[in-house]
Amino acid sequence: MTAVQHEARAPEAEETVSVLLYSDDSTTREQVLTGVGRRASIDSPRILWQETATPAAVVDYVENGRYDLVILDGESAKFGGMGLCRSLKTEIYQCPPVLLLIARPQDAWLASWSEADAVVSMPLDPIALQETVADLVRRR
């Protein structure tokens, strides 16, 4: 009788993407996290979320980290996501794609000025949010 040998396989590392989420409103952050979930789509990598509530933290994270996508709340008080997006896109070499959350579809022209890669308008539609995040992640 011969013994059957089985190769021991190391578990494959699951592919992940890093997403930075900025809003000064914890409710908005929760809506995004709940709306997108752990994966934007069945065929996209698992998302590692990093949340922040301040513009300074966004700049620090983007300058010193590696993110596949940045989601900014365009309606954040004091320093909104549109101005922050414009700053990131003009000041940071190889800035990651930015998804901007806007209050109304009519604000899309402002998002264009800010150089956002995509927009989703509020109230957040989870399907539109998931599809947009999945599309941006696939392009990376």
C-alpha atoms as a PDB file:
ATOM      1  CA  MET A   1       0.000   0.000   0.000  1.00  0.00           C
ATOM      2  CA  THR A   2       1.230   3.470  -0.756  1.00  0.00           C
ATOM      3  CA  ALA A   3       0.512   6.502   1.261  1.00  0.00           C
ATOM      4  CA  VAL A   4      -1.230   9.326  -0.515  1.00  0.00           C
ATOM      5  CA  GLN A   5       0.572  12.600  -0.054  1.00  0.00           C
ATOM      6  CA  HIS A   6      -1.251  15.863   0.041  1.00  0.00           C
ATOM      7  CA  GLU A   7       0.529  19.123  -0.493  1.00  0.00           C
ATOM      8  CA  ALA A   8      -0.067  21.560   2.258  1.00  0.00           C
ATOM      9  CA  ARG A   9      -1.111  24.849   0.755  1.00  0.00           C
ATOM     10  CA  ALA A  10      -0.662  28.135   2.441  1.00  0.00           C
ATOM     11  CA  PRO A  11      -3.886  30.086   2.516  1.00  0.00           C
ATOM     12  CA  GLU A  12      -3.983  32.714  -0.190  1.00  0.00           C
ATOM     13  CA  ALA A  13      -4.039  36.263   1.050  1.00  0.00           C
ATOM     14  CA  GLU A  14      -7.353  37.907   0.341  1.00  0.00           C
ATOM     15  CA  GLU A  15      -7.094  40.946  -1.910  1.00  0.00           C
ATOM     16  CA  THR A  16      -8.045  44.161  -0.175  1.00  0.00           C
ATOM     17  CA  VAL A  17      -8.339  47.847  -0.999  1.00  0.00           C
ATOM     18  CA  SER A  18      -7.881  50.781   1.365  1.00  0.00           C
ATOM     19  CA  VAL A  19     -10.577  53.435   1.395  1.00  0.00           C
ATOM     20  CA  LEU A  20     -10.352  56.701   3.322  1.00  0.00           C
ATOM     21  CA  LEU A  21     -13.738  58.119   4.330  1.00  0.00           C
ATOM     22  CA  TYR A  22     -14.076  61.755   5.433  1.00  0.00           C
ATOM     23  CA  SER A  23     -17.105  63.453   6.898  1.00  0.00           C
ATOM     24  CA  ASP A  24     -17.488  65.608   9.974  1.00  0.00           C
ATOM     25  CA  ASP A  25     -20.891  63.954  10.423  1.00  0.00           C
ATOM     26  CA  SER A  26     -20.758  60.485  11.981  1.00  0.00           C
ATOM     27  CA  THR A  27     -24.223  59.727  10.548  1.00  0.00           C
ATOM     28  CA  THR A  28     -22.952  60.312   6.999  1.00  0.00           C
ATOM     29  CA  ARG A  29     -19.931  58.103   7.649  1.00  0.00           C
ATOM     30  CA  GLU A  30     -22.222  55.372   8.981  1.00  0.00           C
ATOM     31  CA  GLN A  31     -24.497  55.650   5.922  1.00  0.00           C
ATOM     32  CA  VAL A  32     -21.503  55.154   3.615  1.00  0.00           C
ATOM     33  CA  LEU A  33     -20.126  52.234   5.619  1.00  0.00           C
ATOM     34  CA  THR A  34     -23.532  50.558   5.748  1.00  0.00           C
ATOM     35  CA  GLY A  35     -24.359  51.376   2.120  1.00  0.00           C
ATOM     36  CA  VAL A  36     -21.122  49.967   0.698  1.00  0.00           C
ATOM     37  CA  GLY A  37     -20.383  47.264   3.239  1.00  0.00           C
ATOM     38  CA  ARG A  38     -17.265  45.099   3.302  1.00  0.00           C
ATOM     39  CA  ARG A  39     -17.234  44.800  -0.504  1.00  0.00           C
ATOM     40  CA  ALA A  40     -18.651  47.151  -3.097  1.00  0.00           C
ATOM     41  CA  SER A  41     -19.607  44.216  -5.333  1.00  0.00           C
ATOM     42  CA  ILE A  42     -19.265  40.472  -5.437  1.00  0.00           C
ATOM     43  CA  ASP A  43     -16.256  40.699  -7.760  1.00  0.00           C
ATOM     44  CA  SER A  44     -14.413  43.485  -5.941  1.00  0.00           C
ATOM     45  CA  PRO A  45     -11.830  43.163  -3.148  1.00  0.00           C
ATOM     46  CA  ARG A  46     -12.648  43.475   0.524  1.00  0.00           C
ATOM     47  CA  ILE A  47     -12.475  47.070   1.758  1.00  0.00           C
ATOM     48  CA  LEU A  48     -10.284  48.201   4.632  1.00  0.00           C
ATOM     49  CA  TRP A  49     -11.942  51.385   5.879  1.00  0.00           C
ATOM     50  CA  GLN A  50     -10.196  54.340   7.515  1.00  0.00           C
ATOM     51  CA  GLU A  51     -12.528  57.013   8.854  1.00  0.00           C
ATOM     52  CA  THR A  52     -11.715  60.596   9.715  1.00  0.00           C
ATOM     53  CA  ALA A  53     -13.683  63.679  10.710  1.00  0.00           C
ATOM     54  CA  THR A  54     -11.118  66.413  10.035  1.00  0.00           C
ATOM     55  CA  PRO A  55      -9.594  67.829   6.853  1.00  0.00           C
ATOM     56  CA  ALA A  56      -6.115  67.879   8.429  1.00  0.00           C
ATOM     57  CA  ALA A  57      -6.333  64.142   9.055  1.00  0.00           C
ATOM     58  CA  VAL A  58      -7.338  63.538   5.418  1.00  0.00           C
ATOM     59  CA  VAL A  59      -4.290  65.414   4.155  1.00  0.00           C
ATOM     60  CA  ASP A  60      -2.023  63.589   6.609  1.00  0.00           C
ATOM     61  CA  TYR A  61      -3.430  60.165   5.692  1.00  0.00           C
ATOM     62  CA  VAL A  62      -3.197  60.772   1.943  1.00  0.00           C
ATOM     63  CA  GLU A  63       0.329  62.214   2.152  1.00  0.00           C
ATOM     64  CA  ASN A  64       1.654  59.462   4.409  1.00  0.00           C
ATOM     65  CA  GLY A  65      -0.448  56.437   3.505  1.00  0.00           C
ATOM     66  CA  ARG A  66      -1.551  54.491   0.496  1.00  0.00           C
ATOM     67  CA  TYR A  67      -5.226  54.580  -0.364  1.00  0.00           C
ATOM     68  CA  ASP A  68      -6.992  53.123  -3.368  1.00  0.00           C
ATOM     69  CA  LEU A  69      -9.939  55.489  -2.979  1.00  0.00           C
ATOM     70  CA  VAL A  70     -10.855  58.577  -0.969  1.00  0.00           C
ATOM     71  CA  ILE A  71     -14.510  59.385  -0.242  1.00  0.00           C
ATOM     72  CA  LEU A  72     -15.175  62.987   0.787  1.00  0.00           C
ATOM     73  CA  ASP A  73     -18.373  64.549   2.111  1.00  0.00           C
ATOM     74  CA  GLY A  74     -18.922  67.671   0.037  1.00  0.00           C
ATOM     75  CA  GLU A  75     -21.274  69.033   2.691  1.00  0.00           C
ATOM     76  CA  SER A  76     -18.885  68.928   5.651  1.00  0.00           C
ATOM     77  CA  ALA A  77     -18.953  72.123   7.679  1.00  0.00           C
ATOM     78  CA  LYS A  78     -16.124  74.671   7.704  1.00  0.00           C
ATOM     79  CA  PHE A  79     -13.953  72.905   5.128  1.00  0.00           C
ATOM     80  CA  GLY A  80     -16.090  70.884   2.749  1.00  0.00           C
ATOM     81  CA  GLY A  81     -15.083  67.946   0.648  1.00  0.00           C
ATOM     82  CA  MET A  82     -15.100  69.930  -2.599  1.00  0.00           C
ATOM     83  CA  GLY A  83     -12.363  72.315  -1.500  1.00  0.00           C
ATOM     84  CA  LEU A  84     -10.483  69.462   0.120  1.00  0.00           C
ATOM     85  CA  CYS A  85     -10.697  67.430  -3.090  1.00  0.00           C
ATOM     86  CA  ARG A  86      -9.357  70.348  -5.110  1.00  0.00           C
ATOM     87  CA  SER A  87      -6.435  70.722  -2.689  1.00  0.00           C
ATOM     88  CA  LEU A  88      -5.609  67.003  -2.776  1.00  0.00           C
ATOM     89  CA  LYS A  89      -5.755  66.824  -6.559  1.00  0.00           C
ATOM     90  CA  THR A  90      -3.543  69.863  -7.089  1.00  0.00           C
ATOM     91  CA  GLU A  91      -1.054  69.364  -4.252  1.00  0.00           C
ATOM     92  CA  ILE A  92      -0.508  65.609  -3.897  1.00  0.00           C
ATOM     93  CA  TYR A  93       1.445  63.701  -6.502  1.00  0.00           C
ATOM     94  CA  GLN A  94      -0.508  60.663  -7.703  1.00  0.00           C
ATOM     95  CA  CYS A  95      -3.534  61.473  -5.590  1.00  0.00           C
ATOM     96  CA  PRO A  96      -5.861  58.471  -5.366  1.00  0.00           C
ATOM     97  CA  PRO A  97      -9.285  58.632  -7.027  1.00  0.00           C
ATOM     98  CA  VAL A  98     -11.812  60.730  -5.123  1.00  0.00           C
ATOM     99  CA  LEU A  99     -15.534  60.076  -4.792  1.00  0.00           C
ATOM    100  CA  LEU A 100     -17.395  63.184  -3.701  1.00  0.00           C
ATOM    101  CA  LEU A 101     -20.718  63.031  -1.866  1.00  0.00           C
ATOM    102  CA  ILE A 102     -22.818  66.022  -2.936  1.00  0.00           C
ATOM    103  CA  ALA A 103     -26.089  67.437  -1.605  1.00  0.00           C
ATOM    104  CA  ARG A 104     -27.853  67.766  -4.959  1.00  0.00           C
ATOM    105  CA  PRO A 105     -27.300  66.523  -8.497  1.00  0.00           C
ATOM    106  CA  GLN A 106     -27.078  70.219  -9.529  1.00  0.00           C
ATOM    107  CA  ASP A 107     -23.809  70.458  -7.570  1.00  0.00           C
ATOM    108  CA  ALA A 108     -22.056  68.154 -10.057  1.00  0.00           C
ATOM    109  CA  TRP A 109     -20.498  71.174 -11.808  1.00  0.00           C
ATOM    110  CA  LEU A 110     -18.788  72.137  -8.535  1.00  0.00           C
ATOM    111  CA  ALA A 111     -17.532  68.578  -8.181  1.00  0.00           C
ATOM    112  CA  SER A 112     -16.115  68.918 -11.683  1.00  0.00           C
ATOM    113  CA  TRP A 113     -14.244  72.055 -10.591  1.00  0.00           C
ATOM    114  CA  SER A 114     -12.865  70.140  -7.611  1.00  0.00           C
ATOM    115  CA  GLU A 115     -11.482  67.457  -9.980  1.00  0.00           C
ATOM    116  CA  ALA A 116     -13.450  64.645  -8.309  1.00  0.00           C
ATOM    117  CA  ASP A 117     -13.318  61.348 -10.186  1.00  0.00           C
ATOM    118  CA  ALA A 118     -16.976  60.570  -9.423  1.00  0.00           C
ATOM    119  CA  VAL A 119     -19.952  61.913  -7.496  1.00  0.00           C
ATOM    120  CA  VAL A 120     -22.925  60.445  -5.677  1.00  0.00           C
ATOM    121  CA  SER A 121     -25.727  62.729  -4.531  1.00  0.00           C
ATOM    122  CA  MET A 122     -27.546  62.672  -1.205  1.00  0.00           C
ATOM    123  CA  PRO A 123     -29.659  61.124   0.079  1.00  0.00           C
ATOM    124  CA  LEU A 124     -27.348  58.204  -0.547  1.00  0.00           C
ATOM    125  CA  ASP A 125     -28.722  55.420  -2.708  1.00  0.00           C
ATOM    126  CA  PRO A 126     -26.823  52.302  -1.560  1.00  0.00           C
ATOM    127  CA  ILE A 127     -26.927  50.730  -5.039  1.00  0.00           C
ATOM    128  CA  ALA A 128     -25.542  53.846  -6.767  1.00  0.00           C
ATOM    129  CA  LEU A 129     -22.936  54.184  -4.018  1.00  0.00           C
ATOM    130  CA  GLN A 130     -21.858  50.531  -4.312  1.00  0.00           C
ATOM    131  CA  GLU A 131     -21.664  50.676  -8.109  1.00  0.00           C
ATOM    132  CA  THR A 132     -19.625  53.881  -8.062  1.00  0.00           C
ATOM    133  CA  VAL A 133     -17.195  52.579  -5.439  1.00  0.00           C
ATOM    134  CA  ALA A 134     -16.831  49.260  -7.300  1.00  0.00           C
ATOM    135  CA  ASP A 135     -16.139  51.090 -10.565  1.00  0.00           C
ATOM    136  CA  LEU A 136     -13.489  53.332  -9.004  1.00  0.00           C
ATOM    137  CA  VAL A 137     -11.820  50.378  -7.273  1.00  0.00           C
ATOM    138  CA  ARG A 138     -11.737  48.378 -10.518  1.00  0.00           C
ATOM    139  CA  ARG A 139      -9.962  51.252 -12.302  1.00  0.00           C
ATOM    140  CA  ARG A 140      -7.068  51.365  -9.852  1.00  0.00           C
END
